[in-house]
N, C-alpha and C. Protein backbone atom coordinates (compact mmCIF):
# COMPACT_ATOMS: atom_id res chain seq x y z
N MET A 1 172.05 -44.57 241.76
CA MET A 1 171.33 -45.50 241.90
C MET A 1 170.70 -46.14 240.50
N ILE A 2 170.47 -45.49 239.51
CA ILE A 2 169.77 -46.26 238.20
C ILE A 2 171.21 -46.40 237.79
N PRO A 3 172.13 -45.59 237.39
CA PRO A 3 173.20 -45.69 236.40
C PRO A 3 173.96 -46.98 237.21
N TYR A 4 174.07 -47.40 238.51
CA TYR A 4 174.73 -48.58 238.62
C TYR A 4 174.04 -49.84 238.55
N LEU A 5 172.97 -49.84 238.42
CA LEU A 5 171.53 -51.03 238.02
C LEU A 5 171.84 -51.06 236.30
N VAL A 6 171.77 -50.06 235.77
CA VAL A 6 172.10 -50.21 234.07
C VAL A 6 173.57 -50.64 234.12
N LEU A 7 174.57 -50.49 234.76
CA LEU A 7 176.03 -51.06 234.38
C LEU A 7 175.85 -52.29 235.10
N ALA A 8 175.29 -52.84 236.02
CA ALA A 8 174.98 -54.21 236.47
C ALA A 8 174.40 -54.90 235.28
N LEU A 9 173.52 -54.31 234.74
CA LEU A 9 172.25 -55.28 233.70
C LEU A 9 173.38 -55.22 232.49
N ILE A 10 174.36 -54.41 231.85
CA ILE A 10 174.76 -54.40 231.09
C ILE A 10 175.78 -55.79 230.99
N ILE A 11 176.65 -55.57 232.12
CA ILE A 11 177.67 -56.85 232.66
C ILE A 11 177.00 -58.14 232.59
N GLY A 12 175.91 -57.98 232.98
CA GLY A 12 175.24 -59.00 233.21
C GLY A 12 174.82 -60.37 231.74
N VAL A 13 174.45 -58.77 231.15
CA VAL A 13 174.01 -59.25 229.54
C VAL A 13 175.09 -59.95 228.99
N ILE A 14 176.43 -58.97 228.67
CA ILE A 14 177.58 -59.31 228.41
C ILE A 14 177.90 -60.96 228.84
N SER A 15 178.00 -61.06 229.91
CA SER A 15 178.46 -62.08 230.62
C SER A 15 177.58 -63.30 230.00
N ALA A 16 176.27 -63.26 230.00
CA ALA A 16 175.25 -64.30 229.85
C ALA A 16 175.73 -64.59 228.13
N ILE A 17 175.81 -63.49 227.36
CA ILE A 17 176.02 -63.76 225.90
C ILE A 17 177.37 -64.57 225.47
N ARG A 18 178.56 -63.93 226.43
CA ARG A 18 179.96 -64.72 226.40
C ARG A 18 179.47 -66.03 226.84
N TRP A 19 179.27 -66.56 227.85
CA TRP A 19 178.79 -67.92 228.42
C TRP A 19 178.16 -68.87 227.31
N GLY A 20 177.20 -68.09 226.75
CA GLY A 20 176.43 -68.46 225.88
C GLY A 20 177.01 -69.49 224.38
N ILE A 21 177.76 -68.10 223.94
CA ILE A 21 178.96 -68.11 222.93
C ILE A 21 180.11 -69.58 223.37
N TRP A 22 180.43 -69.77 224.44
CA TRP A 22 181.57 -70.60 224.79
C TRP A 22 180.83 -71.65 224.61
N HIS A 23 179.67 -71.99 225.50
CA HIS A 23 179.27 -73.17 225.30
C HIS A 23 178.78 -73.52 224.26
N GLY A 24 177.91 -72.57 223.40
CA GLY A 24 177.54 -73.31 222.12
C GLY A 24 178.48 -73.54 220.98
N THR A 25 179.92 -73.23 221.00
CA THR A 25 180.88 -73.17 219.97
C THR A 25 181.71 -74.64 220.35
N ARG A 26 181.64 -74.55 221.75
CA ARG A 26 182.54 -75.69 222.43
C ARG A 26 182.39 -77.32 222.15
N THR A 27 183.68 -77.68 221.53
CA THR A 27 183.44 -79.11 221.27
C THR A 27 183.77 -80.20 222.33
N LYS A 28 182.77 -81.06 222.59
CA LYS A 28 182.55 -82.22 223.70
C LYS A 28 183.76 -82.90 223.29
N ILE A 29 184.47 -82.91 224.25
CA ILE A 29 185.64 -83.89 224.38
C ILE A 29 185.19 -85.26 225.06
N GLU A 30 186.16 -86.37 224.27
CA GLU A 30 185.93 -87.58 225.00
C GLU A 30 186.18 -87.75 226.82
N PHE A 31 185.84 -88.32 227.39
CA PHE A 31 186.03 -88.29 228.74
C PHE A 31 186.41 -87.20 229.23
N GLU A 32 185.73 -86.07 229.02
CA GLU A 32 186.68 -84.98 229.82
C GLU A 32 186.18 -84.93 231.33
N ASN A 33 185.15 -85.10 231.90
CA ASN A 33 185.16 -85.24 233.23
C ASN A 33 185.82 -86.26 233.86
N GLU A 34 186.06 -87.14 233.45
CA GLU A 34 187.12 -88.23 233.93
C GLU A 34 188.48 -87.60 233.66
N LYS A 35 188.66 -86.75 232.79
CA LYS A 35 190.12 -86.04 232.62
C LYS A 35 190.21 -84.70 233.47
N LEU A 36 189.40 -84.14 233.85
CA LEU A 36 189.09 -83.14 234.83
C LEU A 36 189.20 -83.93 236.37
N GLU A 37 188.51 -84.66 236.38
CA GLU A 37 188.72 -85.42 237.99
C GLU A 37 190.26 -85.91 238.26
N PHE A 38 190.62 -86.71 237.05
CA PHE A 38 192.26 -86.94 237.31
C PHE A 38 193.56 -85.92 237.18
N LEU A 39 192.98 -84.74 236.71
CA LEU A 39 194.01 -83.80 236.82
C LEU A 39 193.95 -83.35 238.28
N GLU A 40 192.63 -82.88 238.86
CA GLU A 40 192.44 -82.42 239.91
C GLU A 40 193.07 -83.41 241.24
N LYS A 41 192.49 -84.77 241.07
CA LYS A 41 193.56 -85.90 241.78
C LYS A 41 194.93 -86.05 241.69
N LYS A 42 195.37 -85.85 240.57
CA LYS A 42 196.81 -85.72 240.58
C LYS A 42 197.67 -84.67 241.45
N PHE A 43 197.14 -83.60 241.43
CA PHE A 43 197.58 -82.54 241.88
C PHE A 43 196.60 -82.13 243.59
N ALA A 44 196.24 -83.53 243.87
CA ALA A 44 195.26 -82.92 245.14
C ALA A 44 196.21 -83.16 246.50
N PHE A 45 197.42 -83.66 246.49
CA PHE A 45 198.63 -83.47 247.56
C PHE A 45 198.86 -81.98 247.81
N LEU A 46 198.68 -81.17 246.62
CA LEU A 46 198.74 -79.72 247.12
C LEU A 46 198.17 -78.77 248.13
N ASN A 47 196.58 -79.35 247.86
CA ASN A 47 195.74 -78.63 248.72
C ASN A 47 196.24 -78.45 250.13
N ASP A 48 196.12 -77.10 251.06
CA ASP A 48 196.75 -76.66 251.87
C ASP A 48 197.95 -76.97 252.15
N PHE A 49 198.95 -76.92 251.59
CA PHE A 49 200.25 -77.00 251.18
C PHE A 49 200.83 -75.76 251.61
N GLN A 50 201.73 -75.75 252.95
CA GLN A 50 201.92 -74.39 253.21
C GLN A 50 203.46 -74.24 252.65
N PHE A 51 204.09 -72.93 252.66
CA PHE A 51 205.43 -73.04 252.04
C PHE A 51 205.97 -71.50 252.57
N ASN A 52 207.19 -71.50 252.64
CA ASN A 52 207.92 -70.36 252.75
C ASN A 52 209.19 -70.08 252.33
N ALA A 53 210.10 -69.28 252.34
CA ALA A 53 211.62 -69.22 251.50
C ALA A 53 212.39 -70.24 251.88
N GLU A 54 212.19 -70.69 253.47
CA GLU A 54 213.02 -71.89 254.04
C GLU A 54 212.78 -73.16 253.58
N THR A 55 211.45 -73.57 252.98
CA THR A 55 211.14 -74.74 253.00
C THR A 55 212.15 -75.46 251.63
N VAL A 56 212.81 -76.85 252.37
CA VAL A 56 213.49 -77.65 251.10
C VAL A 56 212.92 -78.34 250.96
N ILE A 57 212.93 -78.54 249.73
CA ILE A 57 211.78 -79.93 249.04
C ILE A 57 212.75 -80.66 248.23
N SER A 58 212.68 -82.07 248.50
CA SER A 58 213.55 -83.02 247.56
C SER A 58 212.68 -83.39 246.18
N ASP A 59 211.12 -83.48 246.32
CA ASP A 59 210.61 -83.88 245.49
C ASP A 59 210.68 -82.91 244.10
N PRO A 60 211.00 -83.54 243.03
CA PRO A 60 211.43 -82.53 241.78
C PRO A 60 210.04 -81.74 241.44
N GLU A 61 208.95 -82.45 241.34
CA GLU A 61 207.67 -81.94 241.29
C GLU A 61 207.07 -80.81 241.76
N ILE A 62 207.31 -80.96 243.49
CA ILE A 62 207.28 -79.93 243.92
C ILE A 62 207.66 -78.65 244.09
N ALA A 63 209.16 -78.72 243.78
CA ALA A 63 210.03 -78.24 243.72
C ALA A 63 209.91 -76.94 242.52
N ARG A 64 209.40 -77.80 241.37
CA ARG A 64 209.03 -77.16 240.28
C ARG A 64 207.73 -76.34 240.44
N ILE A 65 206.97 -76.68 240.81
CA ILE A 65 205.74 -75.87 241.43
C ILE A 65 205.72 -74.54 242.34
N LEU A 66 207.00 -75.00 243.03
CA LEU A 66 207.20 -73.96 244.44
C LEU A 66 207.96 -72.81 243.34
N GLY A 67 208.81 -73.35 242.64
CA GLY A 67 209.90 -72.45 241.61
C GLY A 67 208.42 -71.26 240.82
N LEU A 68 207.69 -72.20 240.27
CA LEU A 68 206.49 -71.32 239.36
C LEU A 68 206.05 -70.11 240.52
N ILE A 69 205.56 -70.54 241.43
CA ILE A 69 204.86 -69.63 242.41
C ILE A 69 205.71 -68.52 242.93
N ASN A 70 206.79 -68.85 243.06
CA ASN A 70 207.74 -68.04 243.35
C ASN A 70 208.03 -66.99 242.53
N ARG A 71 208.14 -67.20 241.11
CA ARG A 71 208.01 -66.19 240.43
C ARG A 71 207.01 -65.44 240.23
N GLN A 72 206.12 -65.86 240.89
CA GLN A 72 204.99 -64.62 240.75
C GLN A 72 204.73 -64.11 242.00
N GLY A 73 205.55 -64.11 242.29
CA GLY A 73 205.83 -63.19 243.96
C GLY A 73 205.51 -63.58 245.03
N PHE A 74 205.46 -64.96 245.25
CA PHE A 74 204.82 -65.56 246.59
C PHE A 74 206.15 -66.28 247.09
N LYS A 75 206.80 -65.60 248.53
CA LYS A 75 208.03 -65.98 249.02
C LYS A 75 207.26 -67.07 250.06
N LYS A 76 206.25 -66.65 250.60
CA LYS A 76 205.17 -67.41 251.74
C LYS A 76 203.82 -67.55 251.41
N GLY A 77 203.76 -68.51 251.62
CA GLY A 77 201.82 -68.75 251.66
C GLY A 77 200.99 -70.34 251.80
N THR A 78 200.11 -70.34 251.53
CA THR A 78 199.13 -71.26 251.33
C THR A 78 198.53 -71.49 249.90
N ILE A 79 198.92 -73.01 249.57
CA ILE A 79 197.97 -73.27 248.19
C ILE A 79 196.46 -73.80 248.80
N LYS A 80 195.92 -72.80 248.19
CA LYS A 80 194.26 -72.99 249.02
C LYS A 80 193.74 -74.00 247.85
N SER A 81 193.75 -74.31 246.64
CA SER A 81 192.92 -75.22 246.12
C SER A 81 193.78 -75.35 244.98
N VAL A 82 193.17 -76.48 244.29
CA VAL A 82 193.83 -76.86 242.58
C VAL A 82 192.48 -77.57 241.98
N ASP A 83 192.89 -76.76 240.69
CA ASP A 83 191.53 -76.46 239.84
C ASP A 83 192.19 -76.89 238.18
N SER A 84 191.12 -77.42 237.58
CA SER A 84 191.47 -77.76 236.27
C SER A 84 190.61 -76.96 235.21
N SER A 85 190.91 -77.01 234.13
CA SER A 85 190.09 -75.96 233.27
C SER A 85 189.59 -76.78 232.13
N LEU A 86 188.48 -76.84 231.60
CA LEU A 86 188.12 -77.55 230.42
C LEU A 86 188.33 -76.75 229.09
N PRO A 87 189.05 -77.57 228.13
CA PRO A 87 189.55 -76.76 226.84
C PRO A 87 188.34 -76.57 226.60
N HIS A 88 188.36 -75.45 225.15
CA HIS A 88 187.30 -75.28 224.38
C HIS A 88 187.23 -76.12 223.47
N ASN A 89 188.27 -76.75 223.00
CA ASN A 89 188.14 -77.73 222.00
C ASN A 89 189.38 -78.68 222.29
N GLU A 90 189.45 -79.84 221.17
CA GLU A 90 190.63 -80.76 221.33
C GLU A 90 191.59 -80.27 221.04
N ASN A 91 192.12 -79.01 220.67
CA ASN A 91 193.46 -78.61 220.13
C ASN A 91 193.83 -77.27 221.19
N LYS A 92 193.20 -77.43 221.88
CA LYS A 92 193.44 -76.65 223.56
C LYS A 92 193.84 -77.22 224.49
N PRO A 93 194.79 -76.74 225.17
CA PRO A 93 195.60 -77.47 226.79
C PRO A 93 194.52 -77.72 227.47
N TRP A 94 194.59 -78.61 228.29
CA TRP A 94 193.97 -78.94 229.79
C TRP A 94 194.98 -78.03 230.43
N LYS A 95 194.58 -77.38 231.43
CA LYS A 95 195.16 -76.41 232.30
C LYS A 95 195.16 -76.94 233.77
N VAL A 96 196.08 -76.89 234.96
CA VAL A 96 195.39 -77.10 236.08
C VAL A 96 196.26 -75.70 236.67
N PHE A 97 195.43 -75.39 237.79
CA PHE A 97 195.74 -73.84 238.36
C PHE A 97 196.01 -74.19 240.00
N VAL A 98 196.79 -73.63 240.50
CA VAL A 98 196.78 -73.54 241.88
C VAL A 98 195.92 -71.93 242.56
N THR A 99 195.46 -72.34 243.73
CA THR A 99 194.72 -70.82 244.13
C THR A 99 195.99 -70.59 245.39
N VAL A 100 196.93 -69.36 245.38
CA VAL A 100 197.63 -69.08 246.69
C VAL A 100 197.24 -68.12 247.03
N LYS A 101 197.58 -68.26 248.60
CA LYS A 101 197.36 -67.11 249.49
C LYS A 101 197.90 -66.76 250.39
N SER A 102 198.48 -65.36 250.63
CA SER A 102 199.70 -65.39 251.34
C SER A 102 199.07 -63.98 252.10
N GLY A 103 199.55 -63.66 253.52
CA GLY A 103 199.78 -62.71 254.25
C GLY A 103 198.10 -62.80 254.86
N THR A 104 197.68 -61.61 255.60
CA THR A 104 196.92 -61.61 256.61
C THR A 104 195.61 -60.50 256.28
N TRP A 105 194.70 -60.76 256.36
CA TRP A 105 193.33 -59.88 255.80
C TRP A 105 193.26 -58.97 256.97
N PRO A 106 193.13 -57.36 257.02
CA PRO A 106 192.89 -56.95 255.63
C PRO A 106 194.59 -56.03 255.38
N PHE A 107 195.39 -56.49 255.84
CA PHE A 107 196.48 -55.55 255.57
C PHE A 107 197.50 -55.89 253.81
N ASN A 108 198.01 -57.05 254.09
CA ASN A 108 198.69 -57.50 252.98
C ASN A 108 198.20 -58.83 252.48
N ASP A 109 196.68 -59.26 252.62
CA ASP A 109 196.23 -59.94 251.83
C ASP A 109 196.62 -60.50 250.48
N LYS A 110 196.80 -61.38 249.75
CA LYS A 110 197.33 -61.66 248.29
C LYS A 110 196.64 -62.62 248.27
N GLU A 111 195.89 -62.94 247.19
CA GLU A 111 195.36 -64.10 246.52
C GLU A 111 195.22 -64.59 245.05
N GLU A 112 196.21 -65.18 244.05
CA GLU A 112 195.98 -65.48 243.02
C GLU A 112 196.14 -67.05 242.70
N GLU A 113 195.48 -66.98 241.15
CA GLU A 113 195.48 -68.47 240.73
C GLU A 113 196.90 -68.31 239.76
N ILE A 114 197.64 -69.19 239.80
CA ILE A 114 198.62 -69.96 239.00
C ILE A 114 198.45 -70.96 238.51
N GLU A 115 198.90 -71.04 236.96
CA GLU A 115 198.95 -72.35 236.03
C GLU A 115 200.22 -73.14 236.71
N ILE A 116 199.97 -74.40 237.01
CA ILE A 116 201.25 -75.13 237.21
C ILE A 116 201.46 -76.16 236.05
N TYR A 117 200.46 -76.48 235.47
CA TYR A 117 200.73 -77.62 234.02
C TYR A 117 199.47 -77.73 233.48
N SER A 118 200.14 -78.02 232.26
CA SER A 118 199.61 -77.90 230.77
C SER A 118 199.81 -79.08 230.04
N VAL A 119 199.09 -79.59 229.70
CA VAL A 119 198.85 -80.96 228.41
C VAL A 119 198.09 -81.18 227.29
N SER A 120 198.33 -81.26 226.71
CA SER A 120 197.34 -81.73 225.29
C SER A 120 196.34 -82.84 225.40
N ASN A 121 195.55 -82.43 224.55
CA ASN A 121 194.49 -83.50 225.02
C ASN A 121 194.87 -84.58 224.33
N LYS A 122 195.80 -84.95 223.46
CA LYS A 122 196.00 -85.85 222.87
C LYS A 122 196.98 -86.47 223.76
N GLU A 123 198.29 -86.11 224.47
CA GLU A 123 199.00 -86.52 225.44
C GLU A 123 198.15 -86.91 226.52
N LEU A 124 197.34 -86.13 227.13
CA LEU A 124 196.41 -86.64 228.40
C LEU A 124 195.80 -88.32 227.91
N SER A 125 195.24 -88.49 226.67
CA SER A 125 194.56 -89.62 226.57
C SER A 125 195.27 -90.77 226.30
N GLU A 126 196.91 -90.32 225.95
CA GLU A 126 197.48 -91.46 225.94
C GLU A 126 198.33 -91.74 227.08
N ASN A 127 198.10 -90.93 228.19
CA ASN A 127 198.83 -91.05 229.22
C ASN A 127 198.83 -92.31 229.97
N GLU A 128 199.68 -92.95 230.61
CA GLU A 128 199.33 -94.15 231.03
C GLU A 128 198.61 -93.86 232.55
N GLU A 129 199.05 -93.47 233.58
CA GLU A 129 198.13 -92.78 234.66
C GLU A 129 196.91 -92.98 234.63
N PHE A 130 196.57 -92.14 233.25
CA PHE A 130 195.15 -91.45 233.01
C PHE A 130 194.57 -92.94 232.51
N LEU A 131 195.20 -93.81 231.66
CA LEU A 131 194.54 -94.77 231.35
C LEU A 131 194.01 -95.65 232.43
N LYS A 132 195.45 -95.75 233.57
CA LYS A 132 194.69 -96.52 234.30
C LYS A 132 193.90 -96.27 235.52
N PHE A 133 193.53 -94.86 235.47
CA PHE A 133 192.70 -94.12 236.14
C PHE A 133 191.25 -94.50 235.73
N LEU A 134 191.19 -94.13 234.34
CA LEU A 134 190.05 -94.79 233.49
C LEU A 134 189.32 -96.07 233.88
N GLU A 135 190.37 -97.19 233.94
CA GLU A 135 190.23 -98.52 233.81
C GLU A 135 189.61 -98.44 235.20
N ALA A 136 189.93 -97.93 236.32
CA ALA A 136 189.37 -98.19 237.65
C ALA A 136 187.66 -97.67 238.10
N HIS A 137 187.83 -96.62 236.71
CA HIS A 137 186.42 -96.14 237.01
C HIS A 137 185.55 -97.03 236.27
């Protein structure tokens, strides 16, 4: 019991140090909360989207995303959530991920986070859709 407690303590300390270093060295980005919200709303239509091998999509953006998901081994499943990540600094890209779930628990349950979109901070700041979103807020 004590070795498990020590292991949990070590993992906790390492996680706290990593979190502290990440937040301590991170550069605050202009409009970061608005950019996170914009990216998540841009892809919000994917929440609870169900797909299978026979799904026919005429929208090229959805077809591209389903192609990325299929390459990760998902032929059938549901997109459970859409999340965007905050970059460490302005030189790192903004990324959008979907959480895909397939199968049924406990037999062949599979859940994975897949990157579907990446954009530089400069491109996002100059994006017309984002500028319109910013004006509306």
